[in-house]
Amino acid sequence: MTNKDQIAGAVKTALGKTQEAVGKAVDDTTLQAEGLENQAKGTLQARQGDAIEAVDQAVEVVKAVVAGL
């Protein structure tokens, strides 16, 4: 199941890639840098979402094991 951090991170990464490409096209190094920054932030946010999902899944496994005892 996808969570909000995974989605927001993917969107931010895509926005950053677009900013970087536009910055390159118009020779705007500031826009390129902003794009790279947004890509990094998006990747981190998506990974945070992955970690949250992994913890949620682990909790469900523990609940199932405890319920089966």
N, C-alpha and C. Protein backbone atom coordinates (compact mmCIF):
# COMPACT_ATOMS: atom_id res chain seq x y z
N MET A 1 0.84 -1.18 0.00
CA MET A 1 0.00 0.00 0.00
C MET A 1 0.89 1.24 0.00
N THR A 2 0.56 2.18 -0.79
CA THR A 2 1.34 3.40 -0.91
C THR A 2 0.84 4.43 0.10
N ASN A 3 1.77 5.13 0.74
CA ASN A 3 1.36 6.15 1.71
C ASN A 3 1.64 7.55 1.16
N LYS A 4 1.19 8.54 1.92
CA LYS A 4 1.27 9.93 1.43
C LYS A 4 2.70 10.40 1.22
N ASP A 5 3.64 9.93 2.05
CA ASP A 5 5.03 10.34 1.86
C ASP A 5 5.63 9.77 0.58
N GLN A 6 5.27 8.55 0.25
CA GLN A 6 5.76 7.96 -1.00
C GLN A 6 5.24 8.73 -2.20
N ILE A 7 3.97 9.09 -2.16
CA ILE A 7 3.37 9.84 -3.27
C ILE A 7 3.95 11.24 -3.37
N ALA A 8 4.00 11.94 -2.24
CA ALA A 8 4.53 13.31 -2.23
C ALA A 8 6.00 13.32 -2.66
N GLY A 9 6.75 12.32 -2.23
CA GLY A 9 8.15 12.24 -2.63
C GLY A 9 8.31 12.03 -4.12
N ALA A 10 7.48 11.18 -4.69
CA ALA A 10 7.55 10.93 -6.13
C ALA A 10 7.18 12.20 -6.91
N VAL A 11 6.18 12.91 -6.44
CA VAL A 11 5.76 14.15 -7.10
C VAL A 11 6.88 15.19 -7.02
N LYS A 12 7.48 15.32 -5.83
CA LYS A 12 8.56 16.29 -5.65
C LYS A 12 9.76 15.94 -6.53
N THR A 13 10.06 14.66 -6.64
CA THR A 13 11.16 14.22 -7.49
C THR A 13 10.88 14.55 -8.95
N ALA A 14 9.67 14.28 -9.40
CA ALA A 14 9.29 14.58 -10.78
C ALA A 14 9.35 16.09 -11.05
N LEU A 15 8.88 16.88 -10.10
CA LEU A 15 8.95 18.34 -10.24
C LEU A 15 10.41 18.78 -10.35
N GLY A 16 11.25 18.20 -9.52
CA GLY A 16 12.67 18.54 -9.56
C GLY A 16 13.32 18.20 -10.88
N LYS A 17 12.96 17.05 -11.44
CA LYS A 17 13.51 16.67 -12.75
C LYS A 17 13.07 17.65 -13.83
N THR A 18 11.82 18.08 -13.73
CA THR A 18 11.30 19.06 -14.69
C THR A 18 12.03 20.39 -14.55
N GLN A 19 12.19 20.84 -13.29
CA GLN A 19 12.90 22.09 -13.06
C GLN A 19 14.33 22.03 -13.60
N GLU A 20 14.99 20.92 -13.33
CA GLU A 20 16.37 20.78 -13.80
C GLU A 20 16.42 20.83 -15.34
N ALA A 21 15.51 20.12 -15.99
CA ALA A 21 15.50 20.10 -17.46
C ALA A 21 15.21 21.48 -18.03
N VAL A 22 14.25 22.19 -17.45
CA VAL A 22 13.93 23.54 -17.93
C VAL A 22 15.12 24.46 -17.68
N GLY A 23 15.74 24.32 -16.51
CA GLY A 23 16.91 25.13 -16.20
C GLY A 23 18.03 24.92 -17.20
N LYS A 24 18.24 23.67 -17.60
CA LYS A 24 19.26 23.38 -18.61
C LYS A 24 18.87 23.99 -19.95
N ALA A 25 17.59 23.89 -20.29
CA ALA A 25 17.12 24.38 -21.59
C ALA A 25 17.27 25.89 -21.72
N VAL A 26 17.06 26.60 -20.63
CA VAL A 26 17.14 28.07 -20.68
C VAL A 26 18.43 28.59 -20.07
N ASP A 27 19.35 27.69 -19.76
CA ASP A 27 20.66 28.03 -19.19
C ASP A 27 20.52 28.82 -17.89
N ASP A 28 19.66 28.32 -17.00
CA ASP A 28 19.42 28.95 -15.70
C ASP A 28 19.95 28.00 -14.62
N THR A 29 21.15 28.30 -14.13
CA THR A 29 21.77 27.41 -13.15
C THR A 29 21.04 27.40 -11.82
N THR A 30 20.38 28.51 -11.47
CA THR A 30 19.61 28.56 -10.23
C THR A 30 18.44 27.59 -10.30
N LEU A 31 17.75 27.58 -11.41
CA LEU A 31 16.62 26.67 -11.60
C LEU A 31 17.09 25.22 -11.62
N GLN A 32 18.23 24.98 -12.24
CA GLN A 32 18.81 23.64 -12.24
C GLN A 32 19.10 23.18 -10.81
N ALA A 33 19.69 24.07 -10.02
CA ALA A 33 20.03 23.74 -8.62
C ALA A 33 18.76 23.48 -7.81
N GLU A 34 17.74 24.28 -8.02
CA GLU A 34 16.46 24.06 -7.33
C GLU A 34 15.88 22.70 -7.71
N GLY A 35 16.02 22.36 -8.98
CA GLY A 35 15.53 21.07 -9.44
C GLY A 35 16.26 19.92 -8.78
N LEU A 36 17.57 20.03 -8.69
CA LEU A 36 18.36 18.98 -8.02
C LEU A 36 18.01 18.89 -6.53
N GLU A 37 17.79 20.04 -5.91
CA GLU A 37 17.41 20.05 -4.50
C GLU A 37 16.06 19.36 -4.30
N ASN A 38 15.10 19.68 -5.16
CA ASN A 38 13.78 19.05 -5.05
C ASN A 38 13.84 17.55 -5.32
N GLN A 39 14.71 17.14 -6.22
CA GLN A 39 14.87 15.71 -6.46
C GLN A 39 15.40 15.01 -5.21
N ALA A 40 16.38 15.62 -4.57
CA ALA A 40 16.95 15.03 -3.35
C ALA A 40 15.90 14.98 -2.24
N LYS A 41 15.16 16.07 -2.06
CA LYS A 41 14.12 16.10 -1.04
C LYS A 41 13.04 15.07 -1.34
N GLY A 42 12.67 14.95 -2.60
CA GLY A 42 11.65 13.98 -2.98
C GLY A 42 12.10 12.56 -2.73
N THR A 43 13.34 12.27 -3.05
CA THR A 43 13.87 10.93 -2.81
C THR A 43 13.87 10.61 -1.33
N LEU A 44 14.29 11.57 -0.51
CA LEU A 44 14.29 11.35 0.94
C LEU A 44 12.88 11.15 1.48
N GLN A 45 11.95 11.93 1.00
CA GLN A 45 10.57 11.80 1.47
C GLN A 45 9.98 10.45 1.06
N ALA A 46 10.27 10.02 -0.15
CA ALA A 46 9.78 8.72 -0.61
C ALA A 46 10.39 7.60 0.22
N ARG A 47 11.66 7.71 0.54
CA ARG A 47 12.31 6.68 1.37
C ARG A 47 11.74 6.68 2.78
N GLN A 48 11.40 7.85 3.29
CA GLN A 48 10.75 7.93 4.60
C GLN A 48 9.42 7.18 4.53
N GLY A 49 8.69 7.38 3.46
CA GLY A 49 7.43 6.67 3.27
C GLY A 49 7.64 5.17 3.19
N ASP A 50 8.72 4.75 2.51
CA ASP A 50 9.04 3.32 2.44
C ASP A 50 9.29 2.75 3.83
N ALA A 51 10.03 3.51 4.66
CA ALA A 51 10.34 3.05 6.01
C ALA A 51 9.07 2.95 6.85
N ILE A 52 8.20 3.93 6.72
CA ILE A 52 6.94 3.91 7.47
C ILE A 52 6.11 2.69 7.05
N GLU A 53 6.07 2.42 5.76
CA GLU A 53 5.32 1.27 5.26
C GLU A 53 5.91 -0.04 5.80
N ALA A 54 7.23 -0.12 5.84
CA ALA A 54 7.88 -1.33 6.35
C ALA A 54 7.55 -1.55 7.82
N VAL A 55 7.54 -0.48 8.60
CA VAL A 55 7.19 -0.60 10.01
C VAL A 55 5.73 -1.02 10.16
N ASP A 56 4.85 -0.42 9.38
CA ASP A 56 3.44 -0.80 9.44
C ASP A 56 3.24 -2.28 9.11
N GLN A 57 3.96 -2.76 8.11
CA GLN A 57 3.86 -4.17 7.74
C GLN A 57 4.39 -5.07 8.86
N ALA A 58 5.48 -4.66 9.48
CA ALA A 58 6.04 -5.44 10.58
C ALA A 58 5.07 -5.49 11.76
N VAL A 59 4.41 -4.40 12.03
CA VAL A 59 3.42 -4.36 13.11
C VAL A 59 2.29 -5.34 12.82
N GLU A 60 1.84 -5.37 11.56
CA GLU A 60 0.77 -6.30 11.21
C GLU A 60 1.21 -7.76 11.39
N VAL A 61 2.45 -8.06 11.05
CA VAL A 61 2.97 -9.42 11.23
C VAL A 61 2.99 -9.77 12.71
N VAL A 62 3.48 -8.86 13.53
CA VAL A 62 3.54 -9.11 14.98
C VAL A 62 2.14 -9.31 15.53
N LYS A 63 1.19 -8.49 15.10
CA LYS A 63 -0.19 -8.65 15.55
C LYS A 63 -0.72 -10.02 15.18
N ALA A 64 -0.45 -10.48 13.98
CA ALA A 64 -0.92 -11.78 13.52
C ALA A 64 -0.29 -12.90 14.34
N VAL A 65 0.98 -12.77 14.63
CA VAL A 65 1.66 -13.79 15.43
C VAL A 65 1.11 -13.82 16.84
N VAL A 66 0.92 -12.66 17.43
CA VAL A 66 0.39 -12.58 18.81
C VAL A 66 -1.04 -13.12 18.85
N ALA A 67 -1.83 -12.81 17.85
CA ALA A 67 -3.21 -13.29 17.80
C ALA A 67 -3.26 -14.81 17.67
N GLY A 68 -2.25 -15.39 17.03
CA GLY A 68 -2.23 -16.83 16.82
C GLY A 68 -1.72 -17.60 18.03
N LEU A 69 -1.23 -16.91 19.03
CA LEU A 69 -0.71 -17.61 20.22
C LEU A 69 -1.80 -18.09 21.12
